[in-house]
Amino acid sequence: MPSFPGIAHVSLTVTDVDTSTRWYTALLGSEPRQTMTDGPFVRRVFAVPGGQAVSIVQHDGAPAADRFDPRRPGLDHLSFEVGDEAQLHAWERRLAELEVEHSPVQRAAYGSVLSFKDPDGNALEFIASS
């Protein structure tokens, strides 16, 4: 069996790509590296450390009232590894500066996490693995 490859990118569906672009630009501290319009959608791609990418996609004709719900089949949440708890607390302060509603840092057997949502309710978290 060939070795399993790493994850290249994750794409999140959004209702307003311009609103989400501003939000993700503030969160990530960088502009999208690419905009794609080669289908019935607009996709903006952000580079993240480690060589992966996160993209946001606004599909043509998508129902605007439909929002993310982790209980439906599909994505439960997207987690970003931050390294250690000091970095996790730095992100907690950054989310507060950006006025992004978030959980307190929570400790669990697998590490410490900080949960938050994007403008469409897509569940995101920062984690410091134990």
N, C-alpha and C. Protein backbone atom coordinates (compact mmCIF):
# COMPACT_ATOMS: atom_id res chain seq x y z
N MET A 1 0.84 -1.18 0.00
CA MET A 1 0.00 0.00 0.00
C MET A 1 0.89 1.25 0.00
N PRO A 2 0.57 2.24 -0.82
CA PRO A 2 1.37 3.47 -0.80
C PRO A 2 1.16 4.23 0.51
N SER A 3 2.11 5.08 0.86
CA SER A 3 1.95 5.87 2.09
C SER A 3 0.83 6.89 1.89
N PHE A 4 0.12 7.12 2.97
CA PHE A 4 -1.00 8.05 2.89
C PHE A 4 -0.46 9.47 2.85
N PRO A 5 -0.93 10.31 1.92
CA PRO A 5 -0.40 11.67 1.79
C PRO A 5 -0.93 12.58 2.89
N GLY A 6 -0.26 13.70 3.09
CA GLY A 6 -0.73 14.72 4.02
C GLY A 6 -1.91 15.46 3.44
N ILE A 7 -2.53 16.26 4.25
CA ILE A 7 -3.67 17.07 3.80
C ILE A 7 -3.13 18.31 3.09
N ALA A 8 -3.57 18.54 1.87
CA ALA A 8 -3.12 19.69 1.07
C ALA A 8 -3.91 20.94 1.39
N HIS A 9 -5.24 20.79 1.50
CA HIS A 9 -6.07 21.95 1.80
C HIS A 9 -7.43 21.50 2.33
N VAL A 10 -8.11 22.45 2.95
CA VAL A 10 -9.48 22.28 3.41
C VAL A 10 -10.27 23.45 2.85
N SER A 11 -11.46 23.19 2.31
CA SER A 11 -12.32 24.26 1.78
C SER A 11 -13.58 24.34 2.61
N LEU A 12 -13.93 25.55 3.01
CA LEU A 12 -15.13 25.79 3.80
C LEU A 12 -16.12 26.59 2.96
N THR A 13 -17.37 26.17 2.94
CA THR A 13 -18.41 26.89 2.22
C THR A 13 -18.88 28.07 3.05
N VAL A 14 -19.01 29.23 2.41
CA VAL A 14 -19.47 30.45 3.08
C VAL A 14 -20.61 31.06 2.28
N THR A 15 -21.38 31.93 2.93
CA THR A 15 -22.50 32.57 2.22
C THR A 15 -22.10 33.86 1.53
N ASP A 16 -21.08 34.56 2.04
CA ASP A 16 -20.62 35.81 1.44
C ASP A 16 -19.10 35.81 1.43
N VAL A 17 -18.51 35.55 0.28
CA VAL A 17 -17.06 35.37 0.18
C VAL A 17 -16.32 36.65 0.54
N ASP A 18 -16.90 37.82 0.28
CA ASP A 18 -16.21 39.07 0.63
C ASP A 18 -16.17 39.29 2.14
N THR A 19 -17.29 39.05 2.82
CA THR A 19 -17.32 39.16 4.28
C THR A 19 -16.35 38.17 4.90
N SER A 20 -16.38 36.93 4.43
CA SER A 20 -15.49 35.91 4.98
C SER A 20 -14.03 36.17 4.64
N THR A 21 -13.76 36.75 3.47
CA THR A 21 -12.38 37.10 3.12
C THR A 21 -11.83 38.11 4.12
N ARG A 22 -12.60 39.13 4.45
CA ARG A 22 -12.15 40.11 5.43
C ARG A 22 -11.89 39.44 6.78
N TRP A 23 -12.79 38.54 7.19
CA TRP A 23 -12.67 37.88 8.49
C TRP A 23 -11.44 36.98 8.53
N TYR A 24 -11.25 36.13 7.51
CA TYR A 24 -10.11 35.22 7.49
C TYR A 24 -8.80 35.99 7.29
N THR A 25 -8.81 37.09 6.56
CA THR A 25 -7.61 37.91 6.41
C THR A 25 -7.17 38.46 7.76
N ALA A 26 -8.13 38.95 8.55
CA ALA A 26 -7.81 39.45 9.89
C ALA A 26 -7.32 38.32 10.79
N LEU A 27 -7.97 37.17 10.74
CA LEU A 27 -7.59 36.04 11.59
C LEU A 27 -6.20 35.54 11.24
N LEU A 28 -5.94 35.31 9.96
CA LEU A 28 -4.69 34.70 9.52
C LEU A 28 -3.55 35.71 9.34
N GLY A 29 -3.89 37.01 9.28
CA GLY A 29 -2.87 38.03 9.12
C GLY A 29 -2.28 38.09 7.74
N SER A 30 -3.01 37.58 6.75
CA SER A 30 -2.53 37.64 5.36
C SER A 30 -3.71 37.61 4.40
N GLU A 31 -3.47 38.15 3.23
CA GLU A 31 -4.48 38.17 2.17
C GLU A 31 -4.52 36.79 1.50
N PRO A 32 -5.62 36.49 0.81
CA PRO A 32 -5.64 35.23 0.05
C PRO A 32 -4.54 35.23 -1.01
N ARG A 33 -3.97 34.06 -1.24
CA ARG A 33 -2.91 33.98 -2.25
C ARG A 33 -3.47 33.74 -3.65
N GLN A 34 -4.75 33.37 -3.71
CA GLN A 34 -5.34 33.04 -5.01
C GLN A 34 -6.86 33.19 -4.93
N THR A 35 -7.45 33.65 -6.04
CA THR A 35 -8.91 33.66 -6.20
C THR A 35 -9.22 32.82 -7.43
N MET A 36 -10.17 31.90 -7.29
CA MET A 36 -10.53 31.01 -8.39
C MET A 36 -12.00 31.22 -8.73
N THR A 37 -12.28 31.33 -10.03
CA THR A 37 -13.66 31.48 -10.51
C THR A 37 -13.90 30.57 -11.70
N ASP A 38 -13.25 29.40 -11.71
CA ASP A 38 -13.32 28.50 -12.85
C ASP A 38 -14.45 27.48 -12.74
N GLY A 39 -15.45 27.79 -11.96
CA GLY A 39 -16.61 26.92 -11.81
C GLY A 39 -17.79 27.76 -11.36
N PRO A 40 -18.86 27.16 -10.93
CA PRO A 40 -20.03 27.92 -10.47
C PRO A 40 -19.84 28.36 -9.00
N PHE A 41 -18.70 29.03 -8.75
CA PHE A 41 -18.34 29.43 -7.39
C PHE A 41 -17.26 30.50 -7.45
N VAL A 42 -17.00 31.11 -6.30
CA VAL A 42 -15.82 31.95 -6.09
C VAL A 42 -15.07 31.32 -4.93
N ARG A 43 -13.78 31.02 -5.13
CA ARG A 43 -12.96 30.40 -4.08
C ARG A 43 -11.76 31.31 -3.82
N ARG A 44 -11.49 31.57 -2.55
CA ARG A 44 -10.31 32.33 -2.15
C ARG A 44 -9.45 31.40 -1.30
N VAL A 45 -8.17 31.33 -1.63
CA VAL A 45 -7.26 30.37 -0.99
C VAL A 45 -6.25 31.12 -0.12
N PHE A 46 -6.15 30.71 1.14
CA PHE A 46 -5.19 31.26 2.09
C PHE A 46 -4.13 30.22 2.40
N ALA A 47 -2.86 30.62 2.39
CA ALA A 47 -1.77 29.73 2.79
C ALA A 47 -1.68 29.73 4.31
N VAL A 48 -1.43 28.57 4.89
CA VAL A 48 -1.18 28.47 6.33
C VAL A 48 0.17 27.79 6.51
N PRO A 49 0.84 28.05 7.65
CA PRO A 49 2.16 27.43 7.86
C PRO A 49 2.08 25.91 7.73
N GLY A 50 3.15 25.33 7.23
CA GLY A 50 3.21 23.88 7.06
C GLY A 50 2.93 23.46 5.64
N GLY A 51 2.61 24.42 4.77
CA GLY A 51 2.38 24.11 3.37
C GLY A 51 0.95 23.79 2.99
N GLN A 52 0.05 23.78 3.96
CA GLN A 52 -1.35 23.53 3.65
C GLN A 52 -2.05 24.84 3.28
N ALA A 53 -3.30 24.70 2.90
CA ALA A 53 -4.10 25.87 2.55
C ALA A 53 -5.51 25.70 3.10
N VAL A 54 -6.14 26.82 3.40
CA VAL A 54 -7.55 26.86 3.77
C VAL A 54 -8.21 27.75 2.75
N SER A 55 -9.29 27.25 2.15
CA SER A 55 -10.00 28.09 1.19
C SER A 55 -11.43 28.28 1.65
N ILE A 56 -11.99 29.39 1.22
CA ILE A 56 -13.40 29.68 1.45
C ILE A 56 -14.07 29.73 0.09
N VAL A 57 -15.28 29.19 0.02
CA VAL A 57 -15.96 29.04 -1.26
C VAL A 57 -17.40 29.52 -1.14
N GLN A 58 -17.80 30.40 -2.05
CA GLN A 58 -19.20 30.80 -2.16
C GLN A 58 -19.73 30.18 -3.45
N HIS A 59 -20.64 29.22 -3.31
CA HIS A 59 -21.21 28.53 -4.46
C HIS A 59 -22.38 29.32 -5.02
N ASP A 60 -22.48 29.38 -6.34
CA ASP A 60 -23.62 30.02 -6.98
C ASP A 60 -24.89 29.26 -6.62
N GLY A 61 -25.95 29.98 -6.30
CA GLY A 61 -27.25 29.37 -6.06
C GLY A 61 -27.41 28.67 -4.73
N ALA A 62 -26.44 28.84 -3.82
CA ALA A 62 -26.56 28.18 -2.50
C ALA A 62 -27.63 28.89 -1.67
N PRO A 63 -28.39 28.14 -0.90
CA PRO A 63 -29.41 28.77 -0.05
C PRO A 63 -28.75 29.61 1.04
N ALA A 64 -28.99 30.91 1.05
CA ALA A 64 -28.32 31.82 1.98
C ALA A 64 -28.71 31.55 3.43
N ALA A 65 -29.88 31.03 3.68
CA ALA A 65 -30.33 30.84 5.05
C ALA A 65 -29.74 29.58 5.69
N ASP A 66 -29.14 28.71 4.90
CA ASP A 66 -28.58 27.48 5.43
C ASP A 66 -27.25 27.79 6.11
N ARG A 67 -27.10 27.36 7.37
CA ARG A 67 -25.88 27.62 8.12
C ARG A 67 -25.24 26.32 8.55
N PHE A 68 -23.98 26.40 8.88
CA PHE A 68 -23.21 25.25 9.33
C PHE A 68 -23.83 24.65 10.59
N ASP A 69 -23.83 23.34 10.65
CA ASP A 69 -24.27 22.63 11.84
C ASP A 69 -23.40 21.38 11.96
N PRO A 70 -22.54 21.29 13.00
CA PRO A 70 -21.63 20.15 13.09
C PRO A 70 -22.34 18.82 13.33
N ARG A 71 -23.64 18.84 13.62
CA ARG A 71 -24.38 17.59 13.84
C ARG A 71 -24.81 16.94 12.53
N ARG A 72 -24.74 17.69 11.42
CA ARG A 72 -25.06 17.10 10.12
C ARG A 72 -23.85 16.38 9.57
N PRO A 73 -24.04 15.38 8.74
CA PRO A 73 -22.88 14.73 8.11
C PRO A 73 -22.04 15.74 7.35
N GLY A 74 -20.75 15.60 7.45
CA GLY A 74 -19.82 16.52 6.83
C GLY A 74 -18.77 16.95 7.85
N LEU A 75 -18.31 18.13 7.75
CA LEU A 75 -17.27 18.65 8.63
C LEU A 75 -17.82 18.87 10.04
N ASP A 76 -17.10 18.40 11.05
CA ASP A 76 -17.46 18.68 12.44
C ASP A 76 -16.76 19.98 12.86
N HIS A 77 -15.46 20.07 12.64
CA HIS A 77 -14.71 21.30 12.91
C HIS A 77 -13.34 21.21 12.25
N LEU A 78 -12.69 22.35 12.12
CA LEU A 78 -11.33 22.43 11.59
C LEU A 78 -10.44 22.89 12.73
N SER A 79 -9.37 22.15 12.99
CA SER A 79 -8.49 22.42 14.11
C SER A 79 -7.10 22.83 13.62
N PHE A 80 -6.55 23.89 14.24
CA PHE A 80 -5.21 24.37 13.92
C PHE A 80 -4.29 24.10 15.11
N GLU A 81 -3.20 23.36 14.91
CA GLU A 81 -2.23 23.07 15.95
C GLU A 81 -1.38 24.31 16.20
N VAL A 82 -1.32 24.76 17.45
CA VAL A 82 -0.56 25.97 17.78
C VAL A 82 0.74 25.69 18.52
N GLY A 83 0.99 24.45 18.91
CA GLY A 83 2.26 24.09 19.52
C GLY A 83 2.22 23.95 21.02
N ASP A 84 1.94 25.03 21.74
CA ASP A 84 1.93 24.94 23.19
C ASP A 84 0.86 25.85 23.78
N GLU A 85 0.67 25.72 25.08
CA GLU A 85 -0.41 26.46 25.72
C GLU A 85 -0.17 27.96 25.73
N ALA A 86 1.09 28.41 25.75
CA ALA A 86 1.38 29.84 25.69
C ALA A 86 0.85 30.42 24.37
N GLN A 87 1.05 29.70 23.26
CA GLN A 87 0.54 30.15 21.97
C GLN A 87 -0.99 30.13 21.96
N LEU A 88 -1.56 29.15 22.62
CA LEU A 88 -3.02 29.07 22.71
C LEU A 88 -3.57 30.31 23.41
N HIS A 89 -2.94 30.72 24.49
CA HIS A 89 -3.39 31.92 25.20
C HIS A 89 -3.14 33.19 24.38
N ALA A 90 -2.07 33.19 23.57
CA ALA A 90 -1.83 34.33 22.67
C ALA A 90 -2.97 34.42 21.66
N TRP A 91 -3.44 33.27 21.15
CA TRP A 91 -4.57 33.26 20.22
C TRP A 91 -5.86 33.68 20.92
N GLU A 92 -6.00 33.32 22.18
CA GLU A 92 -7.17 33.75 22.94
C GLU A 92 -7.22 35.28 23.01
N ARG A 93 -6.08 35.89 23.27
CA ARG A 93 -6.01 37.37 23.29
C ARG A 93 -6.28 37.94 21.90
N ARG A 94 -5.74 37.31 20.86
CA ARG A 94 -5.94 37.81 19.48
C ARG A 94 -7.41 37.73 19.08
N LEU A 95 -8.08 36.64 19.41
CA LEU A 95 -9.51 36.53 19.11
C LEU A 95 -10.30 37.62 19.83
N ALA A 96 -9.93 37.92 21.07
CA ALA A 96 -10.60 39.00 21.81
C ALA A 96 -10.37 40.34 21.13
N GLU A 97 -9.13 40.59 20.66
CA GLU A 97 -8.83 41.84 19.93
C GLU A 97 -9.68 41.96 18.67
N LEU A 98 -9.90 40.83 17.99
CA LEU A 98 -10.69 40.83 16.75
C LEU A 98 -12.20 40.79 17.03
N GLU A 99 -12.56 40.74 18.32
CA GLU A 99 -13.96 40.65 18.75
C GLU A 99 -14.65 39.41 18.19
N VAL A 100 -13.88 38.31 18.15
CA VAL A 100 -14.41 37.01 17.73
C VAL A 100 -14.85 36.27 18.99
N GLU A 101 -16.12 35.94 19.05
CA GLU A 101 -16.62 35.18 20.19
C GLU A 101 -15.92 33.82 20.24
N HIS A 102 -15.50 33.42 21.44
CA HIS A 102 -14.75 32.17 21.58
C HIS A 102 -14.97 31.58 22.96
N SER A 103 -14.65 30.30 23.07
CA SER A 103 -14.71 29.62 24.37
C SER A 103 -13.49 30.03 25.19
N PRO A 104 -13.53 29.74 26.48
CA PRO A 104 -12.27 29.83 27.23
C PRO A 104 -11.38 28.66 26.83
N VAL A 105 -10.10 28.74 27.16
CA VAL A 105 -9.21 27.60 26.92
C VAL A 105 -9.72 26.45 27.79
N GLN A 106 -9.91 25.31 27.14
CA GLN A 106 -10.42 24.13 27.83
C GLN A 106 -9.39 23.02 27.76
N ARG A 107 -9.15 22.38 28.89
CA ARG A 107 -8.20 21.28 28.95
C ARG A 107 -8.93 19.95 28.83
N ALA A 108 -8.33 19.05 28.06
CA ALA A 108 -8.88 17.70 27.88
C ALA A 108 -7.71 16.72 27.86
N ALA A 109 -8.01 15.44 27.84
CA ALA A 109 -6.96 14.42 27.85
C ALA A 109 -6.05 14.52 26.62
N TYR A 110 -6.57 15.00 25.51
CA TYR A 110 -5.80 15.07 24.26
C TYR A 110 -5.09 16.40 24.07
N GLY A 111 -5.31 17.38 24.96
CA GLY A 111 -4.66 18.69 24.84
C GLY A 111 -5.57 19.79 25.33
N SER A 112 -5.17 21.02 25.05
CA SER A 112 -5.98 22.19 25.41
C SER A 112 -6.50 22.83 24.14
N VAL A 113 -7.76 23.26 24.16
CA VAL A 113 -8.39 23.79 22.95
C VAL A 113 -9.07 25.13 23.23
N LEU A 114 -9.19 25.90 22.16
CA LEU A 114 -9.87 27.18 22.15
C LEU A 114 -10.79 27.15 20.94
N SER A 115 -12.09 27.16 21.16
CA SER A 115 -13.07 27.00 20.07
C SER A 115 -13.69 28.33 19.69
N PHE A 116 -13.99 28.49 18.39
CA PHE A 116 -14.63 29.70 17.88
C PHE A 116 -15.28 29.37 16.55
N LYS A 117 -16.01 30.33 15.98
CA LYS A 117 -16.70 30.11 14.70
C LYS A 117 -16.44 31.26 13.75
N ASP A 118 -16.49 30.96 12.46
CA ASP A 118 -16.37 32.01 11.45
C ASP A 118 -17.74 32.67 11.25
N PRO A 119 -17.86 33.66 10.37
CA PRO A 119 -19.15 34.36 10.20
C PRO A 119 -20.32 33.46 9.79
N ASP A 120 -20.03 32.30 9.19
CA ASP A 120 -21.10 31.38 8.79
C ASP A 120 -21.34 30.29 9.81
N GLY A 121 -20.65 30.36 10.94
CA GLY A 121 -20.83 29.35 11.98
C GLY A 121 -19.96 28.13 11.79
N ASN A 122 -19.06 28.12 10.79
CA ASN A 122 -18.14 26.99 10.64
C ASN A 122 -17.30 26.88 11.92
N ALA A 123 -17.27 25.70 12.51
CA ALA A 123 -16.59 25.49 13.79
C ALA A 123 -15.09 25.35 13.56
N LEU A 124 -14.32 26.18 14.30
CA LEU A 124 -12.88 26.18 14.21
C LEU A 124 -12.32 26.06 15.62
N GLU A 125 -11.07 25.60 15.71
CA GLU A 125 -10.43 25.57 17.03
C GLU A 125 -8.92 25.67 16.85
N PHE A 126 -8.29 26.20 17.89
CA PHE A 126 -6.84 26.12 18.05
C PHE A 126 -6.60 25.07 19.11
N ILE A 127 -5.57 24.24 18.92
CA ILE A 127 -5.28 23.18 19.88
C ILE A 127 -3.78 23.16 20.19
N ALA A 128 -3.50 22.95 21.46
CA ALA A 128 -2.14 22.66 21.90
C ALA A 128 -2.19 21.21 22.37
N SER A 129 -1.70 20.30 21.53
CA SER A 129 -1.76 18.87 21.84
C SER A 129 -0.89 18.55 23.04
N SER A 130 -1.35 17.60 23.83
CA SER A 130 -0.57 17.21 25.01
C SER A 130 0.47 16.18 24.65
